[in-house]
């Protein structure tokens, strides 16, 4: 679970307004304020942007409820992941959902391009009768 109070406190410790923080993230002030109030839950990518902007690790923005956490993070993005609580698993599931959604968008774009190319090929191969 995201600790929204920690996000707010880290921002305030830097003497940044919500508007300044939103600008750093490329968001509207209102959109960012909703995150701090817990009215909007950022996806994993946005949470990573917030952590980077605040100069902390994503794990520092999570409320762990005194549960043990085991994370394996590597630069080569290997497929070895270990989870010791539901929160980490939930974060990973959200990350995978985003990856799948992006893949689906790319496939839809590819299909649109194929259809456009087929239409062009069909139109170019039509025999135009001589007048």
C-alpha atoms as a PDB file:
ATOM      1  CA  UNK A   1       0.000   0.000   0.000  1.00  0.00           C
ATOM      2  CA  UNK A   2       1.268   3.443  -0.852  1.00  0.00           C
ATOM      3  CA  UNK A   3       2.004   5.722   2.099  1.00  0.00           C
ATOM      4  CA  UNK A   4       0.534   8.994   0.838  1.00  0.00           C
ATOM      5  CA  UNK A   5       1.549  10.835   4.038  1.00  0.00           C
ATOM      6  CA  UNK A   6       5.198   9.985   3.353  1.00  0.00           C
ATOM      7  CA  UNK A   7       4.929  11.440  -0.147  1.00  0.00           C
ATOM      8  CA  UNK A   8       3.470  14.653   1.262  1.00  0.00           C
ATOM      9  CA  UNK A   9       6.063  14.852   4.051  1.00  0.00           C
ATOM     10  CA  UNK A  10       8.979  14.305   1.672  1.00  0.00           C
ATOM     11  CA  UNK A  11       7.646  17.022  -0.628  1.00  0.00           C
ATOM     12  CA  UNK A  12       7.156  19.434   2.287  1.00  0.00           C
ATOM     13  CA  UNK A  13      10.677  18.667   3.610  1.00  0.00           C
ATOM     14  CA  UNK A  14      11.978  20.011   0.311  1.00  0.00           C
ATOM     15  CA  UNK A  15       9.790  23.126   0.666  1.00  0.00           C
ATOM     16  CA  UNK A  16       8.036  22.333  -2.601  1.00  0.00           C
ATOM     17  CA  UNK A  17       4.424  23.254  -3.171  1.00  0.00           C
ATOM     18  CA  UNK A  18       2.033  20.750  -4.690  1.00  0.00           C
ATOM     19  CA  UNK A  19       2.128  22.841  -7.838  1.00  0.00           C
ATOM     20  CA  UNK A  20       5.938  22.641  -8.022  1.00  0.00           C
ATOM     21  CA  UNK A  21       5.861  18.879  -7.458  1.00  0.00           C
ATOM     22  CA  UNK A  22       3.166  18.445 -10.097  1.00  0.00           C
ATOM     23  CA  UNK A  23       5.237  20.471 -12.559  1.00  0.00           C
ATOM     24  CA  UNK A  24       8.302  18.294 -11.917  1.00  0.00           C
ATOM     25  CA  UNK A  25       6.141  15.231 -12.677  1.00  0.00           C
ATOM     26  CA  UNK A  26       4.425  16.759 -15.705  1.00  0.00           C
ATOM     27  CA  UNK A  27       1.035  16.638 -14.003  1.00  0.00           C
ATOM     28  CA  UNK A  28      -1.670  19.100 -13.056  1.00  0.00           C
ATOM     29  CA  UNK A  29      -1.637  20.351  -9.473  1.00  0.00           C
ATOM     30  CA  UNK A  30      -5.085  18.882  -8.947  1.00  0.00           C
ATOM     31  CA  UNK A  31      -3.979  15.466 -10.239  1.00  0.00           C
ATOM     32  CA  UNK A  32      -0.988  15.458  -7.933  1.00  0.00           C
ATOM     33  CA  UNK A  33      -3.041  16.674  -4.956  1.00  0.00           C
ATOM     34  CA  UNK A  34      -5.376  13.706  -5.418  1.00  0.00           C
ATOM     35  CA  UNK A  35      -2.391  11.378  -5.112  1.00  0.00           C
ATOM     36  CA  UNK A  36      -1.284  13.001  -1.856  1.00  0.00           C
ATOM     37  CA  UNK A  37      -4.826  12.770  -0.463  1.00  0.00           C
ATOM     38  CA  UNK A  38      -5.047   9.104  -1.444  1.00  0.00           C
ATOM     39  CA  UNK A  39      -7.945   9.779  -3.813  1.00  0.00           C
ATOM     40  CA  UNK A  40      -5.921   8.581  -6.793  1.00  0.00           C
ATOM     41  CA  UNK A  41      -3.497   5.678  -6.731  1.00  0.00           C
ATOM     42  CA  UNK A  42      -0.560   6.136  -9.080  1.00  0.00           C
ATOM     43  CA  UNK A  43       0.524   3.240 -11.258  1.00  0.00           C
ATOM     44  CA  UNK A  44       3.953   1.757 -10.742  1.00  0.00           C
ATOM     45  CA  UNK A  45       5.598   3.968 -13.353  1.00  0.00           C
ATOM     46  CA  UNK A  46       4.177   7.142 -11.796  1.00  0.00           C
ATOM     47  CA  UNK A  47       5.169   5.966  -8.310  1.00  0.00           C
ATOM     48  CA  UNK A  48       8.700   5.421  -9.608  1.00  0.00           C
ATOM     49  CA  UNK A  49       8.701   8.971 -11.058  1.00  0.00           C
ATOM     50  CA  UNK A  50       7.551  10.352  -7.695  1.00  0.00           C
ATOM     51  CA  UNK A  51      10.266   8.418  -5.858  1.00  0.00           C
ATOM     52  CA  UNK A  52      12.957   9.592  -8.301  1.00  0.00           C
ATOM     53  CA  UNK A  53      11.796  13.195  -8.027  1.00  0.00           C
ATOM     54  CA  UNK A  54      11.926  12.977  -4.233  1.00  0.00           C
ATOM     55  CA  UNK A  55      15.297  11.221  -4.334  1.00  0.00           C
ATOM     56  CA  UNK A  56      14.119   8.053  -2.594  1.00  0.00           C
ATOM     57  CA  UNK A  57      13.490   4.430  -3.518  1.00  0.00           C
ATOM     58  CA  UNK A  58       9.951   3.275  -4.311  1.00  0.00           C
ATOM     59  CA  UNK A  59       9.990   0.960  -1.302  1.00  0.00           C
ATOM     60  CA  UNK A  60      10.259   4.033   0.951  1.00  0.00           C
ATOM     61  CA  UNK A  61       6.876   5.210  -0.337  1.00  0.00           C
ATOM     62  CA  UNK A  62       5.143   1.977   0.623  1.00  0.00           C
ATOM     63  CA  UNK A  63       3.436   1.159   3.915  1.00  0.00           C
ATOM     64  CA  UNK A  64       4.645  -2.307   4.815  1.00  0.00           C
ATOM     65  CA  UNK A  65       2.728  -2.876   8.073  1.00  0.00           C
ATOM     66  CA  UNK A  66       5.762  -4.498   9.745  1.00  0.00           C
ATOM     67  CA  UNK A  67       5.788  -7.401   7.301  1.00  0.00           C
ATOM     68  CA  UNK A  68       9.027  -8.879   6.069  1.00  0.00           C
ATOM     69  CA  UNK A  69       9.893  -7.965   2.536  1.00  0.00           C
ATOM     70  CA  UNK A  70      12.263  -9.783   0.244  1.00  0.00           C
ATOM     71  CA  UNK A  71      13.025  -8.119  -3.080  1.00  0.00           C
ATOM     72  CA  UNK A  72      15.571  -9.030  -5.678  1.00  0.00           C
ATOM     73  CA  UNK A  73      16.343  -6.193  -8.012  1.00  0.00           C
ATOM     74  CA  UNK A  74      18.881  -6.446 -10.760  1.00  0.00           C
ATOM     75  CA  UNK A  75      20.026  -4.210 -13.561  1.00  0.00           C
ATOM     76  CA  UNK A  76      19.616  -6.919 -16.167  1.00  0.00           C
ATOM     77  CA  UNK A  77      15.902  -7.355 -15.377  1.00  0.00           C
ATOM     78  CA  UNK A  78      16.173 -11.084 -14.922  1.00  0.00           C
ATOM     79  CA  UNK A  79      13.064 -13.096 -14.277  1.00  0.00           C
ATOM     80  CA  UNK A  80      14.100 -14.003 -10.727  1.00  0.00           C
ATOM     81  CA  UNK A  81      11.656 -12.316  -8.337  1.00  0.00           C
ATOM     82  CA  UNK A  82      10.871 -13.230  -4.763  1.00  0.00           C
ATOM     83  CA  UNK A  83       7.844 -11.934  -2.872  1.00  0.00           C
ATOM     84  CA  UNK A  84       7.156 -12.338   0.787  1.00  0.00           C
ATOM     85  CA  UNK A  85       3.897 -10.424   1.127  1.00  0.00           C
ATOM     86  CA  UNK A  86       0.750  -9.518  -0.755  1.00  0.00           C
ATOM     87  CA  UNK A  87       1.818  -5.896  -1.255  1.00  0.00           C
ATOM     88  CA  UNK A  88       4.847  -6.770  -3.342  1.00  0.00           C
ATOM     89  CA  UNK A  89       2.833  -9.246  -5.319  1.00  0.00           C
ATOM     90  CA  UNK A  90       0.149  -6.618  -5.939  1.00  0.00           C
ATOM     91  CA  UNK A  91       2.773  -4.156  -7.187  1.00  0.00           C
ATOM     92  CA  UNK A  92       4.188  -6.781  -9.531  1.00  0.00           C
ATOM     93  CA  UNK A  93       0.706  -7.659 -10.814  1.00  0.00           C
ATOM     94  CA  UNK A  94       0.006  -3.983 -11.565  1.00  0.00           C
ATOM     95  CA  UNK A  95       3.320  -3.723 -13.378  1.00  0.00           C
ATOM     96  CA  UNK A  96       2.483  -6.784 -15.473  1.00  0.00           C
ATOM     97  CA  UNK A  97      -0.989  -5.393 -16.267  1.00  0.00           C
ATOM     98  CA  UNK A  98       0.659  -2.226 -17.601  1.00  0.00           C
ATOM     99  CA  UNK A  99       3.036  -4.283 -19.732  1.00  0.00           C
ATOM    100  CA  UNK A 100       0.135  -6.323 -21.147  1.00  0.00           C
ATOM    101  CA  UNK A 101      -1.909  -3.186 -21.861  1.00  0.00           C
ATOM    102  CA  UNK A 102       1.049  -1.656 -23.708  1.00  0.00           C
ATOM    103  CA  UNK A 103       1.543  -4.882 -25.693  1.00  0.00           C
ATOM    104  CA  UNK A 104      -2.146  -4.843 -26.648  1.00  0.00           C
ATOM    105  CA  UNK A 105      -1.841  -1.231 -27.825  1.00  0.00           C
ATOM    106  CA  UNK A 106       1.165  -2.120 -29.968  1.00  0.00           C
ATOM    107  CA  UNK A 107      -0.663  -5.090 -31.488  1.00  0.00           C
ATOM    108  CA  UNK A 108      -3.685  -2.901 -32.292  1.00  0.00           C
ATOM    109  CA  UNK A 109      -1.398  -0.342 -33.985  1.00  0.00           C
ATOM    110  CA  UNK A 110       0.305  -3.120 -35.956  1.00  0.00           C
ATOM    111  CA  UNK A 111      -3.088  -4.440 -37.104  1.00  0.00           C
ATOM    112  CA  UNK A 112      -4.144  -0.944 -38.207  1.00  0.00           C
ATOM    113  CA  UNK A 113      -0.919  -0.555 -40.201  1.00  0.00           C
ATOM    114  CA  UNK A 114      -1.401  -3.940 -41.857  1.00  0.00           C
ATOM    115  CA  UNK A 115      -4.959  -3.018 -42.882  1.00  0.00           C
ATOM    116  CA  UNK A 116      -3.775   0.317 -44.280  1.00  0.00           C
ATOM    117  CA  UNK A 117      -1.015  -1.403 -46.245  1.00  0.00           C
ATOM    118  CA  UNK A 118      -3.483  -3.971 -47.599  1.00  0.00           C
ATOM    119  CA  UNK A 119      -5.790  -1.154 -48.758  1.00  0.00           C
ATOM    120  CA  UNK A 120      -2.871   0.602 -50.455  1.00  0.00           C
ATOM    121  CA  UNK A 121      -1.730  -2.602 -52.127  1.00  0.00           C
ATOM    122  CA  UNK A 122      -5.268  -3.370 -53.305  1.00  0.00           C
ATOM    123  CA  UNK A 123      -5.729   0.144 -54.698  1.00  0.00           C
ATOM    124  CA  UNK A 124      -2.356   0.058 -56.458  1.00  0.00           C
ATOM    125  CA  UNK A 125      -3.014  -3.331 -58.019  1.00  0.00           C
ATOM    126  CA  UNK A 126      -6.363  -2.394 -59.503  1.00  0.00           C
ATOM    127  CA  UNK A 127      -6.307  -2.427 -63.253  1.00  0.00           C
ATOM    128  CA  UNK A 128      -7.469   0.883 -64.577  1.00  0.00           C
ATOM    129  CA  UNK A 129      -9.335   0.346 -67.790  1.00  0.00           C
ATOM    130  CA  UNK A 130      -8.159   2.364 -70.723  1.00  0.00           C
ATOM    131  CA  UNK A 131     -10.592   4.928 -71.939  1.00  0.00           C
END
